[in-house]
N, C-alpha and C. Protein backbone atom coordinates (compact mmCIF):
# COMPACT_ATOMS: atom_id res chain seq x y z
N MET A 1 -9.15 -4.37 22.62
CA MET A 1 -8.43 -5.05 24.28
C MET A 1 -8.50 -3.91 24.66
N LYS A 2 -8.47 -4.45 25.79
CA LYS A 2 -8.49 -3.12 27.14
C LYS A 2 -7.58 -2.88 27.28
N VAL A 3 -6.59 -1.76 28.13
CA VAL A 3 -5.67 -1.73 28.10
C VAL A 3 -5.90 -0.51 29.39
N PRO A 4 -4.54 -1.48 30.80
CA PRO A 4 -4.90 -0.39 31.92
C PRO A 4 -4.31 1.16 31.79
N PRO A 5 -4.53 2.09 32.35
CA PRO A 5 -3.95 3.14 31.71
C PRO A 5 -2.30 3.48 32.51
N ILE A 6 -1.44 4.08 31.86
CA ILE A 6 -0.06 3.71 32.39
C ILE A 6 -0.24 4.31 33.76
N GLY A 7 -0.22 4.53 35.20
CA GLY A 7 0.47 5.77 35.92
C GLY A 7 1.71 6.49 36.10
N GLY A 8 1.78 6.77 36.89
CA GLY A 8 3.31 7.83 37.02
C GLY A 8 4.21 6.00 38.06
N PHE A 9 5.96 7.33 37.88
CA PHE A 9 6.08 5.77 37.40
C PHE A 9 6.47 4.68 36.67
N SER A 10 5.41 4.69 36.70
CA SER A 10 6.21 3.83 34.67
C SER A 10 5.27 2.16 35.69
N THR A 11 3.90 2.64 36.48
CA THR A 11 3.51 1.79 37.16
C THR A 11 2.58 1.44 35.95
N PHE A 12 1.49 0.41 36.38
CA PHE A 12 0.12 0.32 35.60
C PHE A 12 -1.20 0.46 36.15
N GLY A 13 -2.23 0.96 35.96
CA GLY A 13 -3.35 0.54 37.18
C GLY A 13 -2.91 1.73 37.76
N VAL A 14 -4.34 1.45 39.12
CA VAL A 14 -5.05 2.29 39.87
C VAL A 14 -3.75 1.74 41.18
N ARG A 15 -2.99 3.26 41.45
CA ARG A 15 -1.53 2.93 43.17
C ARG A 15 -2.92 2.52 44.08
N LYS A 16 -2.18 1.59 45.28
CA LYS A 16 -2.87 2.45 46.50
C LYS A 16 -2.31 3.71 47.23
N LEU A 17 -3.74 4.15 47.27
CA LEU A 17 -3.33 5.46 47.94
C LEU A 17 -3.55 5.56 49.00
N SER A 18 -2.93 6.30 50.39
CA SER A 18 -3.26 6.48 51.72
C SER A 18 -4.97 7.55 51.10
N LYS A 19 -5.57 7.42 52.46
CA LYS A 19 -6.53 7.70 52.79
C LYS A 19 -6.87 9.11 51.95
N ASN A 20 -5.36 10.42 52.74
CA ASN A 20 -5.52 11.63 52.30
C ASN A 20 -5.18 12.65 50.69
N PHE A 21 -4.74 11.40 50.77
CA PHE A 21 -4.58 12.16 49.42
C PHE A 21 -5.63 12.09 48.05
N THR A 22 -5.76 13.14 47.69
CA THR A 22 -6.90 14.19 46.88
C THR A 22 -6.62 14.25 45.87
N ASN A 23 -5.20 13.45 45.09
CA ASN A 23 -5.32 14.87 43.62
C ASN A 23 -5.83 13.75 42.46
N THR A 24 -7.08 13.43 41.96
CA THR A 24 -7.77 13.73 41.11
C THR A 24 -7.31 13.27 39.69
N ASN A 25 -6.58 13.78 39.12
CA ASN A 25 -6.06 13.66 38.27
C ASN A 25 -4.85 13.12 37.77
N PHE A 26 -4.51 12.24 38.82
CA PHE A 26 -3.74 11.60 39.08
C PHE A 26 -3.58 9.88 37.50
N ILE A 27 -5.16 9.80 37.39
CA ILE A 27 -4.92 8.95 36.05
C ILE A 27 -6.77 9.24 36.06
N LYS A 28 -6.76 9.01 34.33
CA LYS A 28 -7.90 9.26 33.62
C LYS A 28 -8.03 7.88 32.84
N PRO A 29 -9.76 7.94 33.21
CA PRO A 29 -10.04 6.70 32.35
C PRO A 29 -9.61 6.81 30.92
N LEU A 30 -9.62 5.34 30.45
CA LEU A 30 -9.70 5.38 28.58
C LEU A 30 -10.52 5.81 27.97
N LYS A 31 -10.39 6.03 26.89
CA LYS A 31 -11.97 6.97 25.99
C LYS A 31 -12.02 6.07 24.10
N LYS A 32 -11.18 5.54 24.87
CA LYS A 32 -11.26 4.03 23.71
C LYS A 32 -10.27 3.53 23.78
N ASP A 33 -10.91 1.77 23.63
CA ASP A 33 -9.56 0.32 23.31
C ASP A 33 -9.46 0.15 22.45
N THR A 34 -9.07 1.19 21.24
CA THR A 34 -9.07 0.38 19.99
C THR A 34 -7.72 0.78 19.50
N VAL A 35 -6.54 0.10 18.81
CA VAL A 35 -5.65 1.01 18.08
C VAL A 35 -5.78 0.99 16.69
N THR A 36 -5.94 1.65 15.98
CA THR A 36 -5.19 2.66 14.71
C THR A 36 -4.80 3.52 14.21
N PHE A 37 -4.30 2.82 12.87
CA PHE A 37 -3.47 3.14 12.21
C PHE A 37 -3.66 4.11 11.08
N GLY A 38 -2.92 5.06 10.91
CA GLY A 38 -3.07 5.28 9.11
C GLY A 38 -3.07 4.42 8.25
N THR A 39 -3.72 5.22 7.59
CA THR A 39 -4.36 5.11 6.32
C THR A 39 -3.57 4.53 4.86
N ASN A 40 -1.95 4.79 6.14
CA ASN A 40 -0.90 5.52 4.44
C ASN A 40 -0.35 3.92 4.95
N ALA A 41 -0.95 2.93 6.09
CA ALA A 41 0.17 1.82 6.77
C ALA A 41 0.12 0.49 5.88
N ARG A 42 -1.40 0.72 4.94
CA ARG A 42 -0.99 -0.56 3.78
C ARG A 42 0.23 -0.28 2.88
N TYR A 43 0.25 1.00 2.26
CA TYR A 43 1.25 1.52 1.35
C TYR A 43 2.53 1.24 1.22
N ILE A 44 2.57 1.66 2.54
CA ILE A 44 3.86 1.44 2.76
C ILE A 44 4.60 0.50 2.32
N LYS A 45 4.10 -0.21 3.40
CA LYS A 45 4.22 -2.03 3.45
C LYS A 45 4.00 -2.50 2.12
N ARG A 46 3.37 -1.92 1.49
CA ARG A 46 3.80 -2.61 -0.39
C ARG A 46 4.78 -1.30 -0.74
N TYR A 47 5.61 -0.46 -0.05
CA TYR A 47 6.77 0.18 -0.84
C TYR A 47 7.53 -0.81 -0.06
N SER A 48 7.60 -1.41 0.79
CA SER A 48 8.73 -2.33 1.49
C SER A 48 9.04 -3.81 0.51
N THR A 49 8.07 -3.65 0.07
CA THR A 49 8.50 -5.38 -1.40
C THR A 49 9.21 -4.67 -2.55
N LEU A 50 8.77 -3.72 -3.19
CA LEU A 50 9.47 -2.78 -4.10
C LEU A 50 10.93 -3.32 -4.32
N PRO A 51 11.36 -3.95 -5.56
CA PRO A 51 12.54 -3.96 -5.88
C PRO A 51 13.62 -2.67 -5.17
N ASP A 52 14.83 -3.40 -4.91
CA ASP A 52 15.82 -2.00 -4.37
C ASP A 52 15.99 -0.67 -6.04
N GLU A 53 15.69 -1.17 -7.35
CA GLU A 53 16.26 -0.28 -8.28
C GLU A 53 15.13 1.06 -8.57
N ILE A 54 13.49 0.08 -7.87
CA ILE A 54 12.93 1.18 -8.10
C ILE A 54 13.26 1.78 -6.94
N LYS A 55 12.64 1.59 -5.42
CA LYS A 55 13.19 2.22 -4.23
C LYS A 55 14.05 3.43 -4.02
N ASP A 56 15.30 2.93 -5.25
CA ASP A 56 16.44 4.00 -5.42
C ASP A 56 15.49 5.52 -6.28
N ILE A 57 14.96 4.96 -7.00
CA ILE A 57 13.77 5.99 -7.89
C ILE A 57 12.92 6.50 -7.31
N LEU A 58 11.67 6.67 -6.05
CA LEU A 58 10.85 6.70 -6.09
C LEU A 58 10.55 6.49 -4.27
N SER A 59 10.89 7.60 -4.18
CA SER A 59 10.26 8.23 -2.77
C SER A 59 9.00 7.65 -2.08
N PRO A 60 9.07 7.31 -1.08
CA PRO A 60 8.09 6.55 0.13
C PRO A 60 6.29 7.64 -0.45
N SER A 61 6.36 8.42 -0.48
CA SER A 61 4.82 9.62 0.09
C SER A 61 5.22 9.53 -1.91
N ASP A 62 5.86 9.65 -2.90
CA ASP A 62 5.34 8.95 -4.75
C ASP A 62 4.96 7.51 -4.69
N ALA A 63 5.31 7.23 -4.35
CA ALA A 63 5.23 5.17 -3.66
C ALA A 63 2.77 5.10 -3.59
N ILE A 64 3.07 6.47 -2.49
CA ILE A 64 1.14 5.94 -1.96
C ILE A 64 0.46 6.52 -3.00
N ASP A 65 1.26 7.43 -3.43
CA ASP A 65 0.04 8.63 -4.53
C ASP A 65 0.55 7.51 -6.32
N MET A 66 1.23 6.23 -6.33
CA MET A 66 1.10 5.63 -7.53
C MET A 66 0.83 4.34 -6.94
N PHE A 67 0.73 3.72 -6.37
CA PHE A 67 -0.76 2.34 -5.58
C PHE A 67 -2.06 3.19 -5.40
N ARG A 68 -2.20 4.67 -5.16
CA ARG A 68 -3.37 4.49 -5.19
C ARG A 68 -4.33 4.69 -6.57
N ASP A 69 -3.22 5.32 -7.75
CA ASP A 69 -3.91 4.82 -8.97
C ASP A 69 -4.31 4.21 -9.54
N MET A 70 -2.93 2.37 -9.34
CA MET A 70 -3.53 1.83 -9.61
C MET A 70 -4.55 0.51 -9.42
N GLU A 71 -4.23 1.58 -7.59
CA GLU A 71 -5.91 0.46 -7.50
C GLU A 71 -7.29 1.48 -8.13
N TYR A 72 -7.24 2.74 -8.57
CA TYR A 72 -8.22 3.23 -9.12
C TYR A 72 -7.81 3.13 -10.05
N ILE A 73 -6.97 3.06 -10.94
CA ILE A 73 -7.15 2.55 -12.90
C ILE A 73 -8.36 1.39 -12.66
N ALA A 74 -7.38 0.19 -11.95
CA ALA A 74 -7.53 -1.13 -11.89
C ALA A 74 -9.36 -1.23 -11.25
N LYS A 75 -10.59 0.11 -10.99
CA LYS A 75 -11.55 -0.45 -10.10
C LYS A 75 -12.31 0.12 -11.46
N GLY A 76 -11.43 0.95 -12.43
CA GLY A 76 -11.77 1.99 -13.35
C GLY A 76 -12.73 2.92 -13.03
N ALA A 77 -12.33 3.61 -11.76
CA ALA A 77 -12.67 4.84 -10.64
C ALA A 77 -12.23 6.36 -11.90
N ILE A 78 -11.02 5.51 -12.74
CA ILE A 78 -10.12 6.93 -13.65
C ILE A 78 -9.54 6.53 -14.89
N LYS A 79 -9.42 6.79 -15.86
CA LYS A 79 -9.02 6.17 -16.99
C LYS A 79 -7.99 6.96 -17.14
N ARG A 80 -6.36 6.31 -18.32
CA ARG A 80 -5.62 6.22 -18.38
C ARG A 80 -5.95 6.05 -20.18
N ARG A 81 -4.55 6.47 -20.94
CA ARG A 81 -4.71 6.46 -22.14
C ARG A 81 -3.38 5.00 -22.01
N GLU A 82 -4.21 3.92 -22.65
CA GLU A 82 -2.98 2.28 -23.03
C GLU A 82 -2.53 1.96 -23.35
N VAL A 83 -0.81 1.81 -23.58
CA VAL A 83 0.60 1.65 -23.72
C VAL A 83 0.19 0.18 -24.66
N GLY A 84 -0.45 -0.33 -24.35
CA GLY A 84 -0.81 -2.07 -24.98
C GLY A 84 -1.07 -2.64 -24.34
N ILE A 85 -1.97 -3.62 -25.03
CA ILE A 85 -3.27 -4.17 -24.70
C ILE A 85 -3.25 -5.48 -25.04
N GLY A 86 -4.12 -6.71 -23.99
CA GLY A 86 -3.69 -7.80 -24.78
C GLY A 86 -5.73 -8.71 -24.42
N GLN A 87 -5.72 -10.14 -24.72
CA GLN A 87 -6.97 -9.90 -24.82
C GLN A 87 -7.32 -10.08 -23.43
N ASN A 88 -6.75 -10.36 -22.53
CA ASN A 88 -7.35 -10.45 -20.07
C ASN A 88 -6.63 -9.33 -19.87
N SER A 89 -6.30 -7.98 -20.63
CA SER A 89 -5.63 -7.61 -19.66
C SER A 89 -4.86 -5.34 -20.87
N ARG A 90 -4.87 -4.57 -19.39
CA ARG A 90 -4.34 -3.75 -20.21
C ARG A 90 -3.28 -2.98 -19.72
N VAL A 91 -2.07 -2.27 -20.56
CA VAL A 91 -0.89 -1.93 -20.04
C VAL A 91 -0.85 -0.60 -19.94
N TYR A 92 -0.78 -0.03 -18.54
CA TYR A 92 -0.76 2.05 -18.63
C TYR A 92 0.64 2.13 -18.24
N GLU A 93 1.09 3.24 -18.92
CA GLU A 93 2.35 4.37 -18.55
C GLU A 93 2.20 4.27 -17.51
N ASN A 94 3.42 3.82 -16.30
CA ASN A 94 3.70 4.85 -15.29
C ASN A 94 3.92 5.89 -15.52
N LEU A 95 3.45 7.30 -14.48
CA LEU A 95 3.84 8.60 -14.16
C LEU A 95 4.93 8.40 -13.20
N TRP A 96 4.63 7.86 -12.32
CA TRP A 96 5.45 7.77 -11.41
C TRP A 96 7.20 7.51 -11.84
N ILE A 97 7.42 6.89 -12.31
CA ILE A 97 9.32 5.56 -13.03
C ILE A 97 8.84 5.70 -14.28
N PRO A 98 10.05 5.99 -14.86
CA PRO A 98 9.62 6.60 -16.05
C PRO A 98 10.98 5.05 -16.57
N GLY A 99 10.04 4.17 -17.88
CA GLY A 99 10.83 2.95 -18.15
C GLY A 99 9.66 2.00 -17.23
N TYR A 100 9.17 1.88 -17.41
CA TYR A 100 7.77 1.09 -16.04
C TYR A 100 6.63 1.53 -16.88
N PHE A 101 6.23 -0.06 -16.76
CA PHE A 101 4.14 0.34 -16.59
C PHE A 101 3.44 -0.04 -15.85
N ILE A 102 2.56 -0.16 -15.81
CA ILE A 102 1.58 -0.34 -14.83
C ILE A 102 0.76 -1.25 -16.11
N LEU A 103 0.88 -2.58 -15.47
CA LEU A 103 -0.63 -3.90 -15.79
C LEU A 103 -1.39 -4.06 -14.68
N ILE A 104 -2.42 -4.71 -15.76
CA ILE A 104 -4.14 -4.08 -15.11
C ILE A 104 -4.58 -5.54 -15.45
N LEU A 105 -3.82 -6.48 -14.79
CA LEU A 105 -5.35 -8.02 -15.88
C LEU A 105 -6.68 -7.79 -15.39
N ASP A 106 -7.56 -8.26 -15.89
CA ASP A 106 -9.11 -8.65 -16.23
C ASP A 106 -8.91 -10.01 -14.81
N ASP A 107 -10.53 -9.29 -13.98
CA ASP A 107 -10.96 -10.57 -13.47
C ASP A 107 -10.67 -12.04 -13.81
N ASP A 108 -10.87 -12.38 -14.60
CA ASP A 108 -11.67 -13.77 -15.33
C ASP A 108 -10.19 -13.89 -16.02
N THR A 109 -8.51 -13.84 -15.96
CA THR A 109 -8.01 -14.38 -16.47
C THR A 109 -7.72 -15.42 -15.41
N GLU A 110 -7.34 -16.50 -16.87
CA GLU A 110 -6.84 -17.89 -16.15
C GLU A 110 -5.82 -18.09 -15.51
N ASP A 111 -4.63 -17.75 -17.02
CA ASP A 111 -3.95 -17.76 -16.78
C ASP A 111 -2.91 -16.39 -16.61
N LYS A 112 -1.40 -16.58 -15.81
CA LYS A 112 -1.45 -15.06 -14.93
C LYS A 112 -0.07 -15.20 -15.62
N ASN A 113 0.47 -16.73 -15.55
CA ASN A 113 1.50 -16.26 -15.42
C ASN A 113 2.76 -16.24 -17.49
N SER A 114 1.08 -16.49 -17.87
CA SER A 114 2.37 -15.95 -19.38
C SER A 114 1.10 -15.21 -19.73
N ILE A 115 1.48 -14.07 -20.75
CA ILE A 115 0.25 -12.85 -21.27
C ILE A 115 0.84 -12.46 -22.53
N THR A 116 -0.21 -12.67 -22.90
CA THR A 116 0.10 -12.10 -25.20
C THR A 116 -0.19 -10.43 -24.77
N ILE A 117 1.21 -9.74 -24.74
CA ILE A 117 0.55 -7.84 -25.08
C ILE A 117 0.94 -7.37 -26.11
N TYR A 118 -0.06 -6.53 -26.96
CA TYR A 118 0.38 -5.61 -27.68
C TYR A 118 0.36 -4.66 -27.85
N SER A 119 1.16 -4.01 -28.34
CA SER A 119 2.24 -3.07 -28.10
C SER A 119 2.99 -2.03 -29.24
N LYS A 120 3.05 -0.44 -29.26
CA LYS A 120 4.05 -0.22 -29.90
C LYS A 120 5.62 0.54 -29.11
N GLU A 121 5.57 0.04 -27.83
CA GLU A 121 6.64 -0.15 -26.70
C GLU A 121 6.90 -1.58 -26.04
N ASN A 122 8.22 -0.94 -25.54
CA ASN A 122 8.95 -1.93 -25.31
C ASN A 122 8.65 -2.78 -24.08
N ILE A 123 8.33 -3.50 -23.88
CA ILE A 123 7.64 -3.98 -22.38
C ILE A 123 8.21 -5.37 -22.45
N GLY A 124 8.39 -5.31 -21.33
CA GLY A 124 9.02 -6.35 -20.64
C GLY A 124 8.70 -7.19 -20.02
N ASP A 125 9.43 -8.01 -18.77
CA ASP A 125 8.38 -9.03 -18.12
C ASP A 125 8.57 -8.16 -16.31
N ALA A 126 7.29 -8.90 -15.95
CA ALA A 126 6.79 -8.42 -14.87
C ALA A 126 7.69 -8.66 -13.43
N ILE A 127 8.03 -7.48 -13.33
CA ILE A 127 8.89 -7.22 -11.42
C ILE A 127 8.66 -6.90 -9.97
N TRP A 128 7.46 -6.66 -10.22
CA TRP A 128 7.15 -7.03 -9.10
C TRP A 128 5.54 -6.78 -9.63
N GLN A 129 4.48 -7.67 -8.33
CA GLN A 129 3.51 -8.17 -8.07
C GLN A 129 2.66 -7.42 -7.42
N ASP A 130 1.35 -6.59 -7.21
CA ASP A 130 1.11 -6.82 -5.44
C ASP A 130 0.16 -7.69 -5.14
N LYS A 131 1.13 -8.20 -3.18
CA LYS A 131 0.31 -9.17 -2.99
C LYS A 131 -1.44 -9.39 -2.71
N ASP A 132 -2.04 -8.19 -2.18
CA ASP A 132 -3.44 -7.84 -2.47
C ASP A 132 -4.14 -8.41 -3.38
N ASP A 133 -3.59 -7.59 -4.20
CA ASP A 133 -4.68 -8.07 -5.83
C ASP A 133 -3.74 -8.18 -6.61
N ALA A 134 -3.44 -9.67 -7.08
CA ALA A 134 -2.54 -10.11 -8.26
C ALA A 134 -3.01 -9.81 -9.21
N ARG A 135 -3.75 -8.33 -9.59
CA ARG A 135 -4.27 -8.20 -10.60
C ARG A 135 -3.16 -7.00 -11.34
N ILE A 136 -2.71 -6.12 -10.39
CA ILE A 136 -1.21 -5.18 -10.53
C ILE A 136 -0.82 -5.79 -10.45
N GLN A 137 0.52 -5.56 -11.84
CA GLN A 137 1.87 -5.51 -11.36
C GLN A 137 2.48 -4.25 -12.40
N ILE A 138 4.02 -4.31 -11.89
CA ILE A 138 4.83 -3.55 -13.00
C ILE A 138 5.64 -4.35 -13.43
N LEU A 139 5.85 -3.43 -14.64
CA LEU A 139 6.38 -3.81 -15.84
C LEU A 139 7.44 -3.02 -15.94
N LYS A 140 9.44 -4.21 -16.80
CA LYS A 140 10.35 -3.30 -17.12
C LYS A 140 10.17 -3.08 -18.49
N CYS A 141 10.79 -1.73 -18.69
CA CYS A 141 10.88 -1.20 -20.25
C CYS A 141 11.84 -2.71 -20.54
N SER A 142 12.07 -2.94 -21.82
CA SER A 142 13.11 -4.15 -22.04
C SER A 142 14.22 -3.83 -22.74
N SER A 143 14.23 -2.09 -22.89
CA SER A 143 15.37 -1.77 -24.00
C SER A 143 16.18 -1.20 -23.19
């Protein structure tokens, strides 16, 4: 989308000038016609979907690191020690929020509403699920 440059006095485009006017720095042409947002915008959008109990504990900058870590774990780019394991799922300790866990479901999980996880920890129900990747969830400790 091309946006006309903003001229002086909040007018758009090129003003009609007299022939004697020679100011060439008045309006400069656009070099790019696209608008880009920072790479953290999608993580900030996810942060706004977290429950209030987590927002009270977690700062937005830490949430960005946590979301990136979750994605890396789901892709298999980094390895973490498993706290619990199920037939098609893995549970990892959340390093940013004490008392919460990260659940990563396998791609072939058919029933995502009911999962059996074997763990020595007191793992509760899911309190958050990523809207972009339904395999990534946050679980709360049940004690």
